[in-house]
Each structure stands twice: as C-alpha cells, then as structure tokens.
Protein backbone atom coordinates (compact mmCIF):
# COMPACT_ATOMS: atom_id res chain seq x y z
CA MET A 1 14.78 55.45 36.58
CA ILE A 2 17.30 54.09 38.85
CA ASP A 3 15.70 52.83 42.01
CA ALA A 4 17.79 54.78 44.77
CA THR A 5 16.23 53.06 47.40
CA ARG A 6 17.35 49.64 46.71
CA LYS A 7 19.78 47.96 49.12
CA ILE A 8 23.19 47.45 47.63
CA GLU A 9 23.09 44.04 48.62
CA ASP A 10 20.09 43.43 46.15
CA THR A 11 22.23 44.73 43.03
CA GLY A 12 23.82 41.71 41.92
CA LEU A 13 27.02 42.54 43.10
CA ASN A 14 30.13 40.25 44.05
CA GLU A 15 31.60 39.97 47.30
CA LYS A 16 34.31 42.23 46.54
CA GLU A 17 32.31 44.79 45.05
CA LEU A 18 29.94 44.76 47.99
CA ASP A 19 33.26 45.11 50.07
CA PHE A 20 34.36 48.04 48.26
CA CYS A 21 31.08 49.67 48.68
CA ARG A 22 30.49 48.74 52.60
CA ARG A 23 33.75 50.30 53.46
CA ASP A 24 32.52 53.64 52.39
CA GLY A 25 29.46 53.46 54.06
CA VAL A 26 27.38 52.68 51.42
CA GLN A 27 23.83 51.12 52.09
CA THR A 28 21.76 51.72 48.88
CA VAL A 29 21.96 52.53 45.51
CA GLY A 30 21.27 56.20 46.18
CA ASP A 31 24.38 56.38 48.55
CA PHE A 32 26.53 54.68 45.85
CA LEU A 33 25.19 57.35 43.32
CA ASN A 34 25.83 60.07 45.62
CA LYS A 35 29.36 58.93 46.47
CA TYR A 36 30.23 57.94 42.83
CA ASP A 37 32.40 61.01 42.27
CA GLU A 38 34.21 60.31 45.33
CA LEU A 39 34.32 56.40 44.89
CA ARG A 40 35.85 56.83 41.24
CA LEU A 41 39.04 58.36 42.79
CA LEU A 42 39.38 55.46 44.96
CA SER A 43 39.12 53.02 42.05
CA GLU A 44 37.65 54.32 39.04
CA ILE A 45 37.43 50.51 37.20
CA THR A 46 35.82 49.15 40.17
CA ALA A 47 33.22 52.36 40.67
CA ASP A 48 32.44 52.09 36.82
CA GLU A 49 31.76 48.30 36.89
CA ILE A 50 29.38 49.05 39.84
CA TYR A 51 27.53 51.58 38.24
CA SER A 52 27.39 49.67 35.14
CA LYS A 53 25.64 46.84 36.57
CA ILE A 54 23.57 48.98 39.06
CA SER A 55 22.25 50.91 35.63
CA THR A 56 22.07 47.75 33.56
CA ASP A 57 18.26 47.55 33.81
CA SER A 58 17.49 51.02 34.11
CA ALA A 59 15.32 53.19 31.63
CA ASP A 60 18.14 55.83 31.81
CA ASN A 61 19.85 53.68 29.50
CA GLU A 62 17.42 53.90 27.25
CA LYS A 63 17.53 57.59 27.52
CA GLN A 64 19.73 59.77 25.51
CA ILE A 65 22.53 61.75 27.75
CA VAL A 66 22.07 65.21 26.55
CA TYR A 67 24.38 68.42 27.84
CA ILE A 68 22.24 71.58 28.91
CA PRO A 69 23.77 74.64 29.73
CA VAL A 70 23.87 75.48 33.19
CA ASP A 71 22.07 78.57 32.94
CA SER A 72 19.15 76.49 31.53
CA ILE A 73 18.90 74.59 34.72
CA ILE A 74 17.08 75.73 37.37
CA PRO A 75 17.00 74.59 41.12
CA HIS A 76 13.40 72.72 41.33
CA PRO A 77 11.22 75.03 43.36
CA ASN A 78 9.64 72.32 45.29
CA ASN A 79 12.84 70.33 46.02
CA PRO A 80 12.25 69.67 50.12
CA ARG A 81 16.01 70.49 50.51
CA LYS A 82 16.42 74.14 50.54
CA ASP A 83 20.31 74.38 51.22
CA VAL A 84 22.92 72.24 49.29
CA GLY A 85 25.61 73.07 51.86
CA ASP A 86 29.07 73.30 50.96
CA VAL A 87 30.08 71.98 47.63
CA SER A 88 33.50 73.34 47.27
CA GLU A 89 35.24 70.03 47.71
CA LEU A 90 32.80 68.40 44.78
CA ALA A 91 33.29 71.68 42.50
CA GLU A 92 37.26 70.68 42.82
CA SER A 93 36.58 67.09 42.04
CA ILE A 94 34.55 68.20 38.79
CA LYS A 95 37.27 70.80 37.87
CA ALA A 96 39.81 67.62 37.81
CA ASN A 97 37.59 65.03 36.59
CA GLY A 98 34.36 66.50 35.06
CA ILE A 99 30.89 64.79 36.21
CA MET A 100 30.85 61.42 36.29
CA GLN A 101 27.18 61.06 36.93
CA ASN A 102 24.49 62.59 35.03
CA LEU A 103 21.60 65.05 36.34
CA THR A 104 17.92 64.35 35.81
CA VAL A 105 15.97 67.12 34.43
CA VAL A 106 12.39 67.88 33.79
CA PRO A 107 10.88 70.56 31.50
CA ALA A 108 10.20 73.68 33.03
CA GLU A 109 6.48 75.17 31.79
CA ASP A 110 6.72 76.83 28.65
CA SER A 111 10.16 78.38 29.73
CA GLY A 112 12.43 76.38 27.67
CA LYS A 113 14.61 75.57 30.61
CA TYR A 114 14.90 72.73 32.89
CA TYR A 115 14.04 71.85 36.72
CA ALA A 116 16.48 69.74 38.43
CA LEU A 117 14.92 66.70 39.86
CA ILE A 118 18.29 64.85 40.83
CA GLY A 119 21.66 66.42 41.25
CA HIS A 120 21.10 69.83 42.98
CA ARG A 121 24.47 69.72 44.52
CA ARG A 122 26.09 68.79 41.20
CA LEU A 123 24.55 71.34 39.86
CA ALA A 124 25.84 74.00 42.20
CA ALA A 125 29.04 72.61 42.22
CA ALA A 126 29.15 72.76 38.24
CA LYS A 127 28.37 76.33 38.47
CA GLN A 128 31.49 77.06 40.82
CA ALA A 129 33.81 74.99 39.22
CA GLY A 130 33.00 77.09 35.89
CA LEU A 131 31.13 74.41 33.73
CA GLU A 132 29.27 75.70 30.83
CA LYS A 133 27.22 72.57 30.30
CA VAL A 134 26.35 69.46 32.37
CA PRO A 135 25.16 66.02 31.36
CA CYS A 136 21.26 65.55 31.55
CA VAL A 137 18.68 62.79 31.30
CA VAL A 138 15.74 64.66 30.47
CA THR A 139 12.74 62.72 31.72
CA ALA A 140 9.26 63.76 30.97
CA GLY A 141 5.58 62.94 31.94
CA LEU A 142 5.90 63.35 35.71
CA ASP A 143 3.48 64.89 37.59
CA LEU A 144 4.57 67.13 40.46
CA SER A 145 3.48 64.30 43.08
CA GLU A 146 5.84 62.23 41.60
CA GLN A 147 8.77 64.81 40.83
CA VAL A 148 8.54 65.64 44.67
CA SER A 149 8.76 61.83 45.88
CA ILE A 150 11.80 61.73 43.98
CA MET A 151 13.49 64.35 45.33
CA LEU A 152 12.20 63.68 48.56
CA ALA A 153 13.49 60.05 48.18
CA GLU A 154 16.85 61.00 46.94
CA ASN A 155 17.46 63.44 49.65
CA MET A 156 16.33 61.00 52.32
CA GLN A 157 18.60 58.19 51.25
CA ARG A 158 21.58 60.60 51.77
CA LYS A 159 19.88 61.68 55.17
CA ASP A 160 20.37 65.22 53.62
CA LEU A 161 17.01 66.59 55.04
CA THR A 162 16.36 68.31 58.18
CA ASP A 163 13.15 67.30 59.91
CA ILE A 164 11.44 70.44 58.76
CA GLU A 165 12.46 69.63 55.31
CA GLU A 166 11.53 66.27 55.54
CA MET A 167 8.22 67.55 57.29
CA ASP A 168 7.26 70.09 54.48
CA GLY A 169 8.29 67.50 51.76
CA ILE A 170 5.60 64.83 52.97
CA GLN A 171 3.06 67.49 53.80
CA MET A 172 3.48 68.71 49.84
CA MET A 173 2.82 65.14 48.66
CA PHE A 174 -0.29 64.85 50.79
CA ASP A 175 -1.25 68.36 49.48
CA LEU A 176 -0.97 66.79 45.86
CA GLY A 177 -3.27 63.96 46.83
CA ASP A 178 -0.74 61.28 47.83
CA THR A 179 -1.81 59.09 50.80
CA VAL A 180 0.44 57.63 53.73
CA SER A 181 0.67 54.07 51.87
CA SER A 182 1.41 55.88 48.53
CA ILE A 183 4.06 58.13 49.91
CA ALA A 184 5.60 55.14 51.81
CA SER A 185 6.09 53.27 48.60
CA LYS A 186 7.63 56.16 46.77
CA THR A 187 9.89 57.16 49.24
CA GLY A 188 10.76 53.88 51.40
CA LEU A 189 10.00 55.63 54.61
CA SER A 190 7.63 53.40 57.04
CA GLU A 191 3.97 54.65 57.19
CA SER A 192 4.69 55.26 60.97
CA THR A 193 7.42 57.74 60.13
CA ILE A 194 5.47 59.22 57.63
CA ARG A 195 2.66 59.80 60.28
CA LYS A 196 5.15 61.32 62.65
CA ARG A 197 6.56 63.45 60.23
CA ARG A 198 3.07 64.88 59.33
CA LYS A 199 2.19 65.48 62.64
CA LEU A 200 4.61 68.29 63.07
CA THR A 201 2.65 70.41 61.02
CA GLU A 202 -0.10 70.26 63.60
CA TYR A 203 1.93 73.02 65.32
CA ASN A 204 2.59 76.47 64.60
CA ARG A 205 5.49 76.57 62.11
CA GLU A 206 7.51 79.21 63.96
CA ASP A 207 7.39 77.20 67.32
CA VAL A 208 8.33 74.22 65.56
CA ILE A 209 11.58 75.99 64.09
CA SER A 210 12.19 77.70 67.40
CA ALA A 211 12.33 74.38 69.43
CA TYR A 212 14.75 72.84 66.73
CA GLU A 213 17.03 76.03 67.09
CA ARG A 214 17.10 75.19 70.98
CA GLY A 215 18.06 71.71 70.09
CA ALA A 216 15.15 69.61 69.69
CA THR A 217 15.25 66.48 68.06
CA PHE A 218 12.34 64.49 66.44
CA ALA A 219 12.42 62.21 69.71
CA ASP A 220 11.13 65.34 71.45
CA PHE A 221 8.34 65.84 69.17
CA ASP A 222 7.39 62.11 69.49
CA LYS A 223 7.01 62.22 73.01
CA ILE A 224 4.67 65.02 73.10
CA ASN A 225 2.30 62.32 71.36
CA ALA A 226 1.76 60.72 74.72
CA VAL A 227 -0.51 63.89 75.39
CA LYS A 228 -3.90 63.70 74.26
CA ALA A 229 -5.32 67.10 74.45
CA PRO A 230 -3.93 69.51 71.39
CA GLU A 231 -3.96 72.78 73.12
CA LYS A 232 -1.40 70.85 75.46
CA ARG A 233 0.42 69.53 72.89
CA LYS A 234 1.04 72.72 71.38
CA GLU A 235 1.87 74.37 74.60
CA LEU A 236 5.03 71.74 75.02
CA VAL A 237 6.14 72.68 71.61
CA THR A 238 7.06 76.19 73.00
CA LEU A 239 8.92 74.29 75.88
CA ILE A 240 10.88 71.87 74.07
CA GLY A 241 14.75 72.83 74.74
CA THR A 242 14.04 74.31 78.06
CA ASN A 243 14.34 73.08 81.43
CA ASN A 244 10.62 72.91 82.14
CA PHE A 245 9.78 70.56 79.12
CA GLU A 246 10.38 67.00 80.81
CA TRP A 247 8.60 68.32 84.06
CA LYS A 248 5.43 69.79 81.94
CA LEU A 249 5.29 66.89 79.71
CA ASN A 250 4.97 64.49 82.64
CA ASN A 251 2.72 66.56 84.57
CA PHE A 252 0.53 66.82 81.47
CA ILE A 253 0.59 62.91 80.97
CA ASN A 254 -0.08 62.51 84.84
CA GLU A 255 -2.98 64.89 84.80
CA GLU A 256 -4.62 62.86 81.74
CA LYS A 257 -4.16 59.21 83.57
CA ARG A 258 -5.53 60.93 86.54
CA LEU A 259 -8.54 62.18 84.42
CA GLU A 260 -9.21 58.67 82.97
CA PHE A 261 -9.27 56.90 85.90
CA THR A 262 -11.68 59.47 87.68
CA GLU A 263 -14.20 58.50 84.59
CA GLU A 264 -13.16 54.73 85.90
CA ALA A 265 -13.79 55.48 89.29
CA LYS A 266 -17.01 57.25 88.49
CA ALA A 267 -18.28 54.57 86.65
CA TRP A 268 -17.24 51.63 89.44
CA ALA A 269 -18.80 54.28 91.91
CA GLU A 270 -22.55 54.27 90.25
CA GLY A 271 -22.87 50.58 90.84
CA PHE A 272 -23.83 51.35 94.34
CA ALA A 273 -23.47 55.25 95.00
CA ARG A 274 -25.45 58.06 93.62
CA TYR A 275 -23.74 61.13 92.22
CA VAL A 276 -23.93 64.32 94.21
CA LYS A 277 -22.38 67.62 93.66
CA SER A 278 -21.55 68.35 97.21
CA VAL A 279 -22.47 66.60 100.28
CA ASP A 280 -23.85 67.73 103.81
CA TYR A 281 -21.21 66.66 106.17
CA GLY A 282 -23.82 66.79 108.95
CA GLU A 283 -25.78 63.91 107.39
CA TYR A 284 -22.99 61.90 105.91
CA ASN A 285 -19.66 60.43 106.42
CA ARG A 286 -16.82 59.71 104.29
CA VAL A 287 -15.93 56.16 103.91
CA MET A 288 -13.39 56.30 101.50
CA THR A 289 -11.23 58.09 98.60
CA ILE A 290 -10.29 56.44 95.43
CA TYR A 291 -6.56 56.96 94.75
CA SER A 292 -5.88 54.22 92.22
CA LYS A 293 -7.21 50.86 90.95
CA ASP A 294 -6.21 49.18 94.23
CA ASN A 295 -8.98 51.14 95.82
CA LEU A 296 -12.09 49.99 93.64
CA THR A 297 -12.68 47.74 96.35
CA MET A 298 -16.31 47.94 98.20
CA PRO A 299 -16.23 50.29 101.24
CA LYS A 300 -15.58 48.38 104.31
CA ASP A 301 -18.46 47.34 106.54
CA TYR A 302 -20.70 48.25 103.24
CA ASP A 303 -24.35 47.74 103.99
CA ALA A 304 -26.58 47.68 101.09
CA SER A 305 -29.46 49.05 103.36
CA ARG A 306 -27.80 52.43 103.61
CA GLU A 307 -27.79 55.29 101.25
CA TYR A 308 -24.09 55.62 99.77
CA VAL A 309 -23.22 58.89 97.68
CA TYR A 310 -20.02 60.08 95.65
CA THR A 311 -18.58 63.30 94.84
CA VAL A 312 -16.12 64.00 91.90
CA GLY A 313 -13.17 66.57 92.99
CA TYR A 314 -9.42 66.04 92.58
CA TYR A 315 -10.40 62.36 93.45
CA VAL A 316 -13.80 60.42 93.75
CA GLU A 317 -14.82 60.23 97.22
CA ILE A 318 -17.61 58.19 98.58
CA PHE A 319 -19.79 58.82 101.60
CA VAL A 320 -22.78 57.14 103.51
CA LYS A 321 -25.91 58.50 105.01
CA ARG A 322 -25.51 58.44 108.91
CA ALA A 323 -27.84 55.99 110.41
CA PRO A 324 -30.75 57.21 112.75
CA HIS A 325 -29.48 57.94 116.25
CA VAL A 326 -31.37 56.82 119.22
CA GLU A 327 -30.72 58.97 122.26
CA THR A 328 -30.08 56.83 125.52
CA ALA A 329 -30.92 58.15 128.78
CA GLU A 330 -27.39 58.89 129.40
CA GLU A 331 -27.02 61.04 126.26
CA ALA A 332 -30.24 62.82 126.88
CA ALA A 333 -29.19 63.80 130.59
CA ALA A 334 -25.68 64.84 129.43
CA ARG A 335 -27.43 66.98 126.69
CA GLU A 336 -29.86 68.75 129.12
CA ALA A 337 -26.81 69.39 131.17
CA ARG A 338 -24.96 71.22 128.39
CA GLU A 339 -28.02 73.01 127.24
CA ALA A 340 -28.61 74.18 131.10
CA ALA A 341 -24.88 75.29 131.21
CA GLN A 342 -24.85 77.40 128.03
CA LYS A 343 -28.21 78.99 128.92
CA GLU A 344 -26.55 79.88 132.25
CA LEU A 345 -23.60 81.39 130.33
CA ASP A 346 -25.86 82.99 127.82
CA ASP A 347 -27.84 84.63 130.65
CA ARG A 348 -24.55 85.98 132.54
CA LYS A 349 -23.32 87.09 129.23
CA ALA A 350 -26.39 89.32 128.21
CA ARG A 351 -26.47 90.60 131.82
CA LEU A 352 -22.65 91.45 131.34
CA ASN A 353 -23.43 93.55 128.04
CA GLU A 354 -26.10 95.23 129.88
CA ILE A 355 -23.70 96.66 132.26
CA PHE A 356 -21.15 97.42 129.18
CA GLU A 357 -24.00 99.34 127.58
CA ALA A 358 -24.46 101.22 130.77
CA MET A 359 -21.16 102.09 131.37
CA TYR A 360 -20.87 103.45 127.71
CA LYS A 361 -23.71 105.74 128.12
CA ARG A 362 -22.34 107.17 131.51
CA ARG A 363 -19.00 107.81 130.03
CA ALA A 364 -20.45 109.56 127.19
CA GLU A 365 -23.07 111.58 129.55
CA PHE A 366 -19.81 112.57 131.32
CA VAL A 367 -17.64 113.94 128.50
CA GLN A 368 -20.93 115.51 126.94
CA ASP A 369 -21.56 117.32 130.64
CA PHE A 370 -17.89 118.18 130.93
CA LYS A 371 -17.41 121.69 131.69
CA GLY A 372 -13.92 121.94 132.97
CA PHE A 373 -11.22 120.52 135.19
CA PRO A 374 -12.58 120.57 138.91
CA LYS A 375 -11.42 123.38 141.30
CA CYS A 376 -9.09 124.41 138.35
CA THR A 377 -6.75 127.39 138.38
CA ALA A 378 -4.86 128.21 135.22
CA ALA A 379 -1.59 126.47 136.54
CA LYS A 380 -3.39 123.26 137.49
CA GLU A 381 -5.38 123.39 133.95
CA LEU A 382 -1.56 122.94 132.46
CA ASP A 383 -1.27 120.01 134.68
CA TYR A 384 -4.43 118.30 134.10
CA ILE A 385 -3.44 118.68 130.12
CA TYR A 386 -0.15 117.62 130.61
CA THR A 387 -1.42 114.08 132.41
CA ILE A 388 -3.85 113.56 129.53
CA THR A 389 -1.32 114.22 127.19
CA GLU A 390 0.94 111.73 129.31
CA ILE A 391 -1.84 108.97 129.07
CA LEU A 392 -2.52 109.60 125.30
CA ILE A 393 1.22 109.08 124.30
CA SER A 394 1.45 105.82 126.65
CA ALA A 395 -1.84 104.34 124.72
CA GLU A 396 -0.23 105.17 121.65
CA SER A 397 3.11 103.67 122.52
CA ASP A 398 1.14 100.43 123.40
CA ASP A 399 -0.50 100.43 120.21
CA GLU A 400 -4.04 101.12 122.18
CA CYS A 401 -5.43 103.99 120.53
CA GLY A 402 -8.02 103.48 117.70
CA ASP A 403 -8.73 105.45 114.99
CA PHE A 404 -10.40 109.16 115.59
CA ASP A 405 -13.62 108.35 113.61
CA LEU A 406 -15.08 111.75 112.32
CA ASP A 407 -18.55 110.06 111.98
CA ASP A 408 -18.68 109.26 115.55
CA PHE A 409 -17.65 112.70 116.52
CA ALA A 410 -20.40 114.34 114.48
CA GLU A 411 -22.86 112.19 115.94
CA PHE A 412 -21.51 113.12 119.37
CA PHE A 413 -22.50 116.74 118.65
CA ASP A 414 -25.67 115.98 116.83
CA THR A 415 -24.32 117.59 113.34
CA GLU A 416 -24.37 116.22 109.85
CA LEU A 417 -20.58 115.70 108.01
CA ALA A 418 -20.45 118.40 105.14
CA GLU A 419 -19.56 116.55 101.92
CA GLY A 420 -16.10 116.38 100.58
CA VAL A 421 -14.46 117.22 103.99
CA PRO A 422 -10.59 117.89 103.05
CA ASN A 423 -8.92 117.79 106.63
CA TYR A 424 -10.65 115.80 109.27
CA GLY A 425 -8.57 117.69 111.99
CA GLN A 426 -9.02 121.02 110.83
CA TYR A 427 -13.12 120.08 110.24
CA THR A 428 -13.06 118.87 113.88
CA LEU A 429 -11.58 121.95 115.50
CA GLU A 430 -14.24 123.79 113.29
CA LEU A 431 -16.72 121.90 114.73
CA MET A 432 -15.52 122.48 118.39
CA ASN A 433 -14.81 126.35 117.88
CA GLU A 434 -18.52 126.55 116.66
CA ALA A 435 -19.59 124.73 120.00
CA LYS A 436 -17.66 127.14 121.85
CA ILE A 437 -15.68 124.29 123.57
CA SER A 438 -12.88 125.38 125.80
CA GLY A 439 -9.31 124.51 125.57
CA ALA A 440 -9.66 121.58 128.36
CA ARG A 441 -12.38 120.29 126.89
CA LYS A 442 -10.79 120.00 123.34
CA MET A 443 -8.33 118.14 124.97
CA LEU A 444 -10.34 115.80 126.78
CA LEU A 445 -12.82 115.29 123.72
CA TYR A 446 -9.96 114.55 121.38
CA ALA A 447 -8.23 111.99 123.98
CA TYR A 448 -11.90 110.24 124.49
CA PHE A 449 -12.26 109.87 121.01
CA LYS A 450 -8.96 107.92 120.38
CA LEU A 451 -9.66 105.61 123.19
CA GLU A 452 -13.35 105.30 123.06
CA CYS A 453 -14.38 101.65 121.74
CA ARG A 454 -18.16 101.18 122.29
CA ASN A 455 -18.09 97.39 121.27
CA SER A 456 -15.05 96.52 123.59
CA THR A 457 -15.69 93.34 125.78
CA LEU A 458 -13.65 92.11 128.45
CA TYR A 459 -14.55 88.54 128.20
CA ASP A 460 -13.92 85.58 126.23
CA TYR A 461 -16.73 82.87 124.51
CA TYR A 462 -16.64 81.11 128.09
CA LEU A 463 -17.18 84.59 129.65
CA LYS A 464 -13.59 84.60 131.21
CA TYR A 465 -12.15 87.78 132.15
CA ARG A 466 -9.48 89.34 129.23
CA GLU A 467 -7.79 92.56 129.98
CA ASP A 468 -8.34 95.44 127.63
CA LYS A 469 -5.72 98.03 127.71
CA GLN A 470 -7.44 100.60 125.74
CA ILE A 471 -10.52 101.03 127.75
CA LEU A 472 -8.23 101.15 130.94
CA TYR A 473 -6.43 104.02 129.57
CA LEU A 474 -10.01 105.97 128.86
CA TYR A 475 -10.87 105.34 132.35
CA GLU A 476 -7.80 106.41 133.62
CA LEU A 477 -8.13 109.48 131.41
CA LEU A 478 -11.70 110.10 132.50
CA LYS A 479 -10.64 109.90 136.52
CA VAL A 480 -8.14 112.56 135.95
CA CYS A 481 -11.12 114.87 134.62
CA GLY A 482 -13.09 113.99 137.80
CA PHE A 483 -14.94 110.89 136.85
CA GLU A 484 -16.05 108.78 139.58
CA ILE A 485 -15.74 104.95 138.87
CA SER A 486 -18.35 103.12 140.77
CA ASP A 487 -17.74 99.73 142.37
CA GLU A 488 -19.33 97.42 139.87
CA GLU A 489 -17.47 99.29 137.08
CA ARG A 490 -14.17 98.83 139.06
CA ALA A 491 -15.32 95.06 139.38
CA VAL A 492 -16.04 94.68 135.87
CA LEU A 493 -12.93 96.42 134.93
CA GLY A 494 -10.72 94.58 137.25
CA GLY A 495 -12.14 90.93 136.38
CA THR A 496 -13.65 90.36 139.68
CA HIS A 497 -17.33 90.92 139.00
CA GLU A 498 -19.47 87.82 139.79
CA LEU A 499 -20.54 87.58 136.22
CA TYR A 500 -17.24 86.38 134.99
CA THR A 501 -16.65 83.00 134.89
CA LYS A 502 -13.80 81.81 137.17
CA GLU A 503 -10.86 79.71 135.98
CA ASN A 504 -12.16 76.50 137.43
CA LYS A 505 -15.27 76.83 135.64
CA GLY A 506 -16.64 76.31 132.30
CA ASP A 507 -14.14 74.05 131.56
CA ASP A 508 -16.45 71.10 131.40
CA ARG A 509 -18.69 72.52 128.46
C-alpha cells in the first residue's frame, strides 16, 4: 500500500517533477494522490510519470484492479470524516476524464459489499457523475484499528478533518487498543498532538461542539491545559468564544499559582513558626504578610527566644507573641488616673439613669391618674385636644414619633392581649371603651404611647448632653394636660444638670 505520509522529496522524483508538485502545494504522497485528477489536467504525462514512480514499490501494483459497482461500495462507518463536502467539480472532471486513481476498499462482513477505505470523495463524485462501476483495489486482512488508522492518516494528510472528527478518530483508535506510540506511527502525528487531541474527550462533547460553533480553535483548548483542576477546565470549555473566557482563564491560573505559593509559604513558615487557625490580637502582633517569594525572608528583628505563629488565609501571615510588659511608675499612675476617671463617669451615669427611671415612673403615674383637663369647659376641652393634635403632627413631621406598641398599651391597663388581634387600632379602642375612658383621656393615651420611649437617654458615652426631640415633645404634651415639670427634670431635659459632662471635661479619657 502506498505510504501517504511520505514527503514528496523522499520519493526519488527529479527536480522538474518536484517543481511540478510544489507549484500546486503538494508536500506529501497523500497530497499528490488527492490532487492526481487535477494534476493530470495540467500535464497528463508528468502526472502519470510521478504516479508511476510513487507506486513502483507499492504492494498495490501487485494487486489486481477490479471494477466494482458503486451500489456495492458503502462509505466506511468508522471513517473519521463525516462530511465529504462539495464534490461537484470532481464529478465534472470524472464525467470528462473518468477516474484516474483507484479506490481502496475492504470486504464488508458477510454482505457481499465493500467498505470504502480510501476514496470517499471519489466514490461520492462517481455516484454524482452517474458512473456504474469504479476501479478498486480490494484489501483484505486489515483489522478495524488498521482500517481507522489508514483513513485517519489519509484525511489528515489532506487536512480535511475538523478537530472534532480528528478527536473522534484518535479516540476510536485508543478504544481499539492502540497506544500513543502506535497511533503516531500509523498516522504520522506527533505524540504530543495525539495527547492534546485526546484531551478533548475529557470534556462534555456538546460543550466542545458548542465551543467550535462559537469560533473556538484548538489553540483555545490548548490554553485550558494550563489549568490543573479538571472541574475548572470543564467550566472554561463552556466559556470559549465568549468575552469572559480569557478573564476566567487568567483568574483560574493565577488562583492556582497563589495556592501553590501558599503551600510553599506554609512549608517555609514551619521552619520557625507554629500553625494556628486564628490568633488572639490581644496577645500577638502581626509581623509580616507573605505575598510573594520576595517575602520569604526572616521577620525583621527576629528573636529566636520569642514565640512565632502563622495563619493561612488568602495569604500566609506571621505573628509574634507580645513580650510581657512591666508597668513603670508613670504608667501605673496614668492607669490609676484613667480608672478613677472611668469610675467617676460610671457613678454619674448610674445616678443619671436613676433619675431617668424616676422621670418615667412620674410620667406614667400622671397618665394613669389623668381624669380630664384642668378647669375644663366643653369649649376649652376642644382647645386642649386641638393643641395635643398639633404637638403630635409636629412630632410626626420631625420623624420623632415611635410605633404604637400594643403590648405596652395592654401592660399599661394590666390586661392580656387576645390571640390573633386583627386590628390594633380597633382593639385599642375596645380596651379604652371597656375601661370607660373619656374622650379627652383617649386622646392623651394615644399621643402618650406614640411619644413615650422609656429607654431614651439624653447623653453620649462621655455623658455629654444630647438632645432628644421625641421626649421633649412628650413633656410638651404632658404640660398641656396639667403635668408640672420639676426643676431637676427641667435641668435634665435642658442639658444643664450637674451630672452631665461639660464640653471642657471628659476629653482627656
């Protein structure tokens, strides 16, 4: 059988014949055989002479060429090439000149027919040209692996196979028992190319096909091999041909490099530090973060007598345990002064909180004991209600109203809430009606529970006065209803109480 992989320069052709081949882009014997019909149109004599020299030592010459009906020849089911393409031009040439190069066929099992081994395009063109028979060399005794390798080599010499077809052909040969070395020997492909083509079979076939439909090249798949994690390579296949492919590829590569360096940094840190999952920042100081190989140097001012630990997060970090601190007399005096100032502040805060609690109780008792507006006529009561409404509207406009808390309201009346209360407002009204509360008191109660905030404070951490408009609106409401504000309450509300920290105090904490 003719070796289709031989370079044309190795066939013993003279310089004129070589020039004839090179002019038409022929580089291998397979190229010549595929273009034989076209080359005879250029120069029948030269093409026939070259064919004669190429096939002189071929076993095909010892085999008889027979004419087989085209209906008895079947395209080989394991041919890697699935699409023979447009054969119209070749069919026209065959109509005019006949088939100049025989087909190679193998007997189909127990069918009386033959599989085309070499010449699938010629067979398709012959059928299109209307030929009844075609010249063939019948080759027997080839196992399926040898048949596939011949078809694979022939198609790859013509560069007719897509990457998918080439991948399928190589995988088929592996499935039939071939090795990388034997496939390379049979097809002329390098072992590196075979391994890379086979790697495509690791991915979902539909994802690979979709990638090629998006314009993928084998170079794109080769780039993926730089990523070690199989699941990440599979994800990248789905991104080939999209705007995210290069970014995601670089991201995966950099992440793997970072993780590899993390392992290297851990091994280095083990030389002088102990691994801990987390550190107590009250006991340890961070001394370095290892970003790159340039950081793999001992910590500045390293002291072998001190304890070093390391943690592993996004980077490896080194910490050193703080040395025991002996307090000086000056430091002790400063600490005692701070502690005394803090105690004084805490004492004032406790006293202020007692006053706030007393103020709350006094407000609640006033509301509970409220029977009506002082010295009230019907017309005057309307004035009171109008004034309360104005206060409530102003508070809501300033966003100083709280939510009406039905739990607080029920507690105020010493009653338990019914389950599944459908309407807070309606239920509240029912509670007040059951208690036989007057209209004036209903108005006060509603406004009170919108404005009351038991936990309200009028100071910050340092006990500096901080105005709270909501509680000020509350006292304005109570005052309208006859509540008398004590001098101490007035001082607390206005920020003049002696327990508050004045602006020129407390800043040296």
